[in-house]
């Protein structure tokens, strides 16, 4: 067995005053421990507040589906900061 794998292996665990070595018992004890700590009782949440979101009228909603014009695209690209990368690839706008 490689050193790292051996170092990461749990051979036994002391819980309370008892020492456990059986893998199945260890698994059960660990599952119970984390289930107790990370579970919450089921309850129904009631909403005591009213959400008053602004709504778009029909013409505004239709405008959302229109294709972008070349001027809108140019304005969006030229308004980007040259030193910031808009995506996760770390290429800034100067690259494009």
N, C-alpha and C. Protein backbone atom coordinates (compact mmCIF):
# COMPACT_ATOMS: atom_id res chain seq x y z
N UNK A 1 0.84 -1.17 0.00
CA UNK A 1 0.00 0.00 0.00
C UNK A 1 0.89 1.24 0.00
N UNK A 2 0.58 2.18 -0.83
CA UNK A 2 1.37 3.40 -0.90
C UNK A 2 1.19 4.21 0.38
N UNK A 3 2.22 5.01 0.68
CA UNK A 3 2.22 5.77 1.93
C UNK A 3 1.02 6.71 2.03
N UNK A 4 0.74 7.48 0.94
CA UNK A 4 -0.36 8.45 0.98
C UNK A 4 -1.69 7.75 1.20
N UNK A 5 -1.92 6.66 0.47
CA UNK A 5 -3.17 5.93 0.61
C UNK A 5 -3.31 5.37 2.02
N UNK A 6 -2.21 4.88 2.58
CA UNK A 6 -2.23 4.33 3.93
C UNK A 6 -2.48 5.44 4.94
N UNK A 7 -1.90 6.61 4.70
CA UNK A 7 -2.05 7.74 5.60
C UNK A 7 -3.50 8.24 5.63
N UNK A 8 -4.21 8.14 4.50
CA UNK A 8 -5.58 8.63 4.40
C UNK A 8 -6.62 7.61 4.83
N UNK A 9 -6.20 6.41 5.20
CA UNK A 9 -7.12 5.35 5.57
C UNK A 9 -7.53 5.48 7.03
N UNK A 10 -8.82 5.29 7.30
CA UNK A 10 -9.32 5.28 8.68
C UNK A 10 -9.39 3.82 9.11
N UNK A 11 -8.54 3.44 10.05
CA UNK A 11 -8.52 2.05 10.53
C UNK A 11 -9.44 1.83 11.71
N UNK A 12 -9.73 2.86 12.43
CA UNK A 12 -10.60 2.74 13.59
C UNK A 12 -10.95 4.12 14.11
N UNK A 13 -11.94 4.12 15.03
CA UNK A 13 -12.38 5.40 15.56
C UNK A 13 -12.92 5.18 16.97
N UNK A 14 -12.57 6.10 17.85
CA UNK A 14 -13.08 6.05 19.21
C UNK A 14 -14.29 6.98 19.30
N UNK A 15 -15.42 6.40 19.65
CA UNK A 15 -16.65 7.17 19.81
C UNK A 15 -17.12 6.96 21.24
N UNK A 16 -17.16 8.02 22.00
CA UNK A 16 -17.47 7.88 23.42
C UNK A 16 -16.32 7.15 24.10
N UNK A 17 -16.64 6.03 24.74
CA UNK A 17 -15.62 5.21 25.40
C UNK A 17 -15.33 3.94 24.62
N UNK A 18 -15.91 3.80 23.43
CA UNK A 18 -15.76 2.56 22.66
C UNK A 18 -14.90 2.80 21.43
N UNK A 19 -14.12 1.77 21.06
CA UNK A 19 -13.26 1.81 19.89
C UNK A 19 -13.87 0.90 18.83
N UNK A 20 -14.08 1.45 17.61
CA UNK A 20 -14.69 0.69 16.52
C UNK A 20 -13.69 0.51 15.39
N UNK A 21 -13.57 -0.74 14.87
CA UNK A 21 -12.65 -1.04 13.78
C UNK A 21 -13.35 -1.62 12.56
N UNK A 22 -14.55 -2.14 12.73
CA UNK A 22 -15.29 -2.77 11.64
C UNK A 22 -15.72 -1.69 10.63
N UNK A 23 -15.36 -1.84 9.34
CA UNK A 23 -15.69 -0.82 8.33
C UNK A 23 -17.19 -0.54 8.22
N UNK A 24 -18.02 -1.56 8.34
CA UNK A 24 -19.47 -1.35 8.23
C UNK A 24 -19.99 -0.55 9.42
N UNK A 25 -19.48 -0.85 10.61
CA UNK A 25 -19.90 -0.11 11.81
C UNK A 25 -19.40 1.33 11.72
N UNK A 26 -18.16 1.52 11.26
CA UNK A 26 -17.62 2.88 11.09
C UNK A 26 -18.48 3.69 10.12
N UNK A 27 -18.85 3.06 9.01
CA UNK A 27 -19.68 3.73 8.01
C UNK A 27 -21.01 4.15 8.63
N UNK A 28 -21.64 3.23 9.36
CA UNK A 28 -22.92 3.53 9.99
C UNK A 28 -22.79 4.67 11.00
N UNK A 29 -21.75 4.64 11.82
CA UNK A 29 -21.54 5.68 12.83
C UNK A 29 -21.30 7.05 12.17
N UNK A 30 -20.52 7.06 11.09
CA UNK A 30 -20.24 8.32 10.39
C UNK A 30 -21.50 8.88 9.73
N UNK A 31 -22.27 8.01 9.09
CA UNK A 31 -23.51 8.46 8.45
C UNK A 31 -24.45 9.03 9.50
N UNK A 32 -24.60 8.35 10.63
CA UNK A 32 -25.48 8.84 11.69
C UNK A 32 -25.00 10.18 12.23
N UNK A 33 -23.70 10.32 12.43
CA UNK A 33 -23.13 11.56 12.96
C UNK A 33 -23.44 12.74 12.05
N UNK A 34 -23.14 12.58 10.75
CA UNK A 34 -23.36 13.69 9.83
C UNK A 34 -24.83 13.93 9.56
N UNK A 35 -25.64 12.87 9.58
CA UNK A 35 -27.09 13.04 9.40
C UNK A 35 -27.67 13.86 10.54
N UNK A 36 -27.22 13.59 11.76
CA UNK A 36 -27.71 14.34 12.92
C UNK A 36 -27.30 15.81 12.84
N UNK A 37 -26.09 16.08 12.37
CA UNK A 37 -25.59 17.46 12.35
C UNK A 37 -26.10 18.28 11.17
N UNK A 38 -26.39 17.65 10.05
CA UNK A 38 -26.73 18.41 8.85
C UNK A 38 -28.16 18.21 8.38
N UNK A 39 -29.02 17.72 9.22
CA UNK A 39 -30.42 17.58 8.83
C UNK A 39 -31.24 18.57 9.64
N UNK A 40 -32.37 18.93 9.11
CA UNK A 40 -33.25 19.83 9.84
C UNK A 40 -34.66 19.24 9.78
N UNK A 41 -35.45 19.51 10.78
CA UNK A 41 -36.81 18.97 10.77
C UNK A 41 -37.61 19.56 9.62
N UNK A 42 -38.46 18.73 9.06
CA UNK A 42 -39.30 19.21 7.96
C UNK A 42 -40.37 20.12 8.53
N UNK A 43 -40.54 21.23 7.90
CA UNK A 43 -41.60 22.13 8.30
C UNK A 43 -42.05 22.91 7.08
N UNK A 44 -43.25 23.35 7.14
CA UNK A 44 -43.78 24.12 6.02
C UNK A 44 -43.46 25.59 6.24
N UNK A 45 -42.92 26.18 5.22
CA UNK A 45 -42.60 27.60 5.27
C UNK A 45 -43.79 28.38 4.75
N UNK A 46 -44.19 29.38 5.46
CA UNK A 46 -45.27 30.21 4.95
C UNK A 46 -44.70 31.56 4.53
N UNK A 47 -45.27 32.09 3.52
CA UNK A 47 -44.79 33.37 3.02
C UNK A 47 -45.66 34.47 3.62
N UNK A 48 -45.04 35.27 4.46
CA UNK A 48 -45.76 36.36 5.12
C UNK A 48 -45.62 37.68 4.37
N UNK A 49 -45.04 37.64 3.21
CA UNK A 49 -44.83 38.89 2.49
C UNK A 49 -45.36 38.75 1.07
N UNK A 50 -45.65 39.86 0.48
CA UNK A 50 -46.17 39.89 -0.89
C UNK A 50 -45.06 40.45 -1.78
N UNK A 51 -44.81 39.77 -2.89
CA UNK A 51 -43.79 40.22 -3.83
C UNK A 51 -44.45 41.10 -4.88
N UNK A 52 -44.07 42.35 -4.89
CA UNK A 52 -44.63 43.30 -5.85
C UNK A 52 -43.57 43.64 -6.89
N UNK A 53 -43.35 42.72 -7.81
CA UNK A 53 -42.38 42.96 -8.87
C UNK A 53 -42.99 43.85 -9.93
N UNK A 54 -42.17 44.68 -10.54
CA UNK A 54 -42.63 45.48 -11.67
C UNK A 54 -42.84 44.55 -12.85
N UNK A 55 -43.84 44.83 -13.64
CA UNK A 55 -44.14 43.99 -14.80
C UNK A 55 -43.90 44.78 -16.09
N UNK A 56 -43.51 44.05 -17.12
CA UNK A 56 -43.34 44.66 -18.44
C UNK A 56 -44.69 44.72 -19.13
N UNK A 57 -44.90 45.79 -19.90
CA UNK A 57 -46.11 45.81 -20.71
C UNK A 57 -45.85 44.98 -21.97
N UNK A 58 -46.86 44.82 -22.81
CA UNK A 58 -46.73 43.93 -23.98
C UNK A 58 -45.64 44.36 -24.94
N UNK A 59 -45.54 45.65 -25.21
CA UNK A 59 -44.52 46.11 -26.17
C UNK A 59 -43.12 45.90 -25.61
N UNK A 60 -42.93 46.12 -24.31
CA UNK A 60 -41.62 45.87 -23.70
C UNK A 60 -41.26 44.39 -23.75
N UNK A 61 -42.25 43.54 -23.52
CA UNK A 61 -42.01 42.09 -23.57
C UNK A 61 -41.65 41.65 -24.99
N UNK A 62 -42.32 42.21 -26.00
CA UNK A 62 -42.01 41.86 -27.39
C UNK A 62 -40.61 42.32 -27.77
N UNK A 63 -40.17 43.47 -27.25
CA UNK A 63 -38.83 43.98 -27.56
C UNK A 63 -37.73 43.06 -27.05
N UNK A 64 -38.01 42.26 -26.04
CA UNK A 64 -37.01 41.33 -25.52
C UNK A 64 -36.66 40.24 -26.54
N UNK A 65 -37.57 39.98 -27.46
CA UNK A 65 -37.37 38.91 -28.43
C UNK A 65 -36.83 39.41 -29.77
N UNK A 66 -36.61 40.70 -29.90
CA UNK A 66 -36.08 41.24 -31.15
C UNK A 66 -34.60 40.93 -31.28
N UNK A 67 -34.10 40.72 -32.51
CA UNK A 67 -32.65 40.50 -32.68
C UNK A 67 -31.88 41.78 -32.39
N UNK A 68 -30.64 41.62 -31.97
CA UNK A 68 -29.78 42.77 -31.68
C UNK A 68 -29.37 43.43 -32.99
N UNK A 69 -29.28 44.75 -32.97
CA UNK A 69 -28.77 45.47 -34.14
C UNK A 69 -27.25 45.52 -34.05
N UNK A 70 -26.60 45.77 -35.19
CA UNK A 70 -25.14 45.87 -35.21
C UNK A 70 -24.66 47.02 -34.33
N UNK A 71 -25.44 48.10 -34.28
CA UNK A 71 -25.07 49.24 -33.44
C UNK A 71 -25.09 48.86 -31.96
N UNK A 72 -26.10 48.07 -31.54
CA UNK A 72 -26.17 47.64 -30.14
C UNK A 72 -25.00 46.74 -29.78
N UNK A 73 -24.64 45.86 -30.70
CA UNK A 73 -23.51 44.95 -30.46
C UNK A 73 -22.21 45.75 -30.36
N UNK A 74 -22.02 46.69 -31.30
CA UNK A 74 -20.80 47.51 -31.28
C UNK A 74 -20.72 48.32 -29.99
N UNK A 75 -21.83 48.90 -29.57
CA UNK A 75 -21.85 49.69 -28.34
C UNK A 75 -21.50 48.82 -27.12
N UNK A 76 -22.03 47.60 -27.08
CA UNK A 76 -21.74 46.70 -25.95
C UNK A 76 -20.27 46.30 -25.92
N UNK A 77 -19.71 45.99 -27.09
CA UNK A 77 -18.31 45.56 -27.15
C UNK A 77 -17.38 46.72 -26.81
N UNK A 78 -17.63 47.89 -27.38
CA UNK A 78 -16.73 49.03 -27.15
C UNK A 78 -16.85 49.58 -25.72
N UNK A 79 -17.94 49.27 -25.02
CA UNK A 79 -18.08 49.76 -23.65
C UNK A 79 -17.41 48.83 -22.63
N UNK A 80 -16.86 47.70 -23.08
CA UNK A 80 -16.18 46.76 -22.18
C UNK A 80 -14.84 47.32 -21.73
N UNK A 81 -14.48 47.02 -20.49
CA UNK A 81 -13.17 47.41 -19.97
C UNK A 81 -12.11 46.52 -20.61
N UNK A 82 -11.06 47.11 -21.15
CA UNK A 82 -10.02 46.35 -21.86
C UNK A 82 -9.29 45.36 -20.97
N UNK A 83 -9.21 45.64 -19.69
CA UNK A 83 -8.40 44.83 -18.80
C UNK A 83 -9.18 43.74 -18.06
N UNK A 84 -10.46 43.62 -18.32
CA UNK A 84 -11.26 42.62 -17.62
C UNK A 84 -11.69 41.53 -18.59
N UNK A 85 -11.70 40.30 -18.09
CA UNK A 85 -12.12 39.15 -18.90
C UNK A 85 -13.60 38.89 -18.63
N UNK A 86 -14.45 38.91 -19.67
CA UNK A 86 -15.87 38.72 -19.45
C UNK A 86 -16.26 37.27 -19.17
N UNK A 87 -15.39 36.32 -19.49
CA UNK A 87 -15.73 34.91 -19.29
C UNK A 87 -14.72 34.20 -18.42
N UNK A 88 -14.89 32.90 -18.32
CA UNK A 88 -14.02 32.09 -17.48
C UNK A 88 -12.72 31.70 -18.16
N UNK A 89 -12.58 32.02 -19.45
CA UNK A 89 -11.37 31.63 -20.17
C UNK A 89 -10.21 32.61 -19.96
N UNK A 90 -10.45 33.70 -19.24
CA UNK A 90 -9.44 34.71 -18.91
C UNK A 90 -8.92 35.49 -20.11
N UNK A 91 -9.64 35.48 -21.23
CA UNK A 91 -9.27 36.32 -22.36
C UNK A 91 -9.99 37.65 -22.22
N UNK A 92 -9.24 38.74 -22.21
CA UNK A 92 -9.90 40.04 -22.10
C UNK A 92 -10.36 40.50 -23.48
N UNK A 93 -11.06 41.62 -23.51
CA UNK A 93 -11.67 42.10 -24.75
C UNK A 93 -10.62 42.48 -25.79
N UNK A 94 -9.40 42.84 -25.36
CA UNK A 94 -8.33 43.16 -26.31
C UNK A 94 -7.96 41.94 -27.15
N UNK A 95 -8.09 40.75 -26.58
CA UNK A 95 -7.77 39.53 -27.33
C UNK A 95 -8.69 39.38 -28.53
N UNK A 96 -9.95 39.71 -28.34
CA UNK A 96 -10.92 39.54 -29.42
C UNK A 96 -10.84 40.69 -30.39
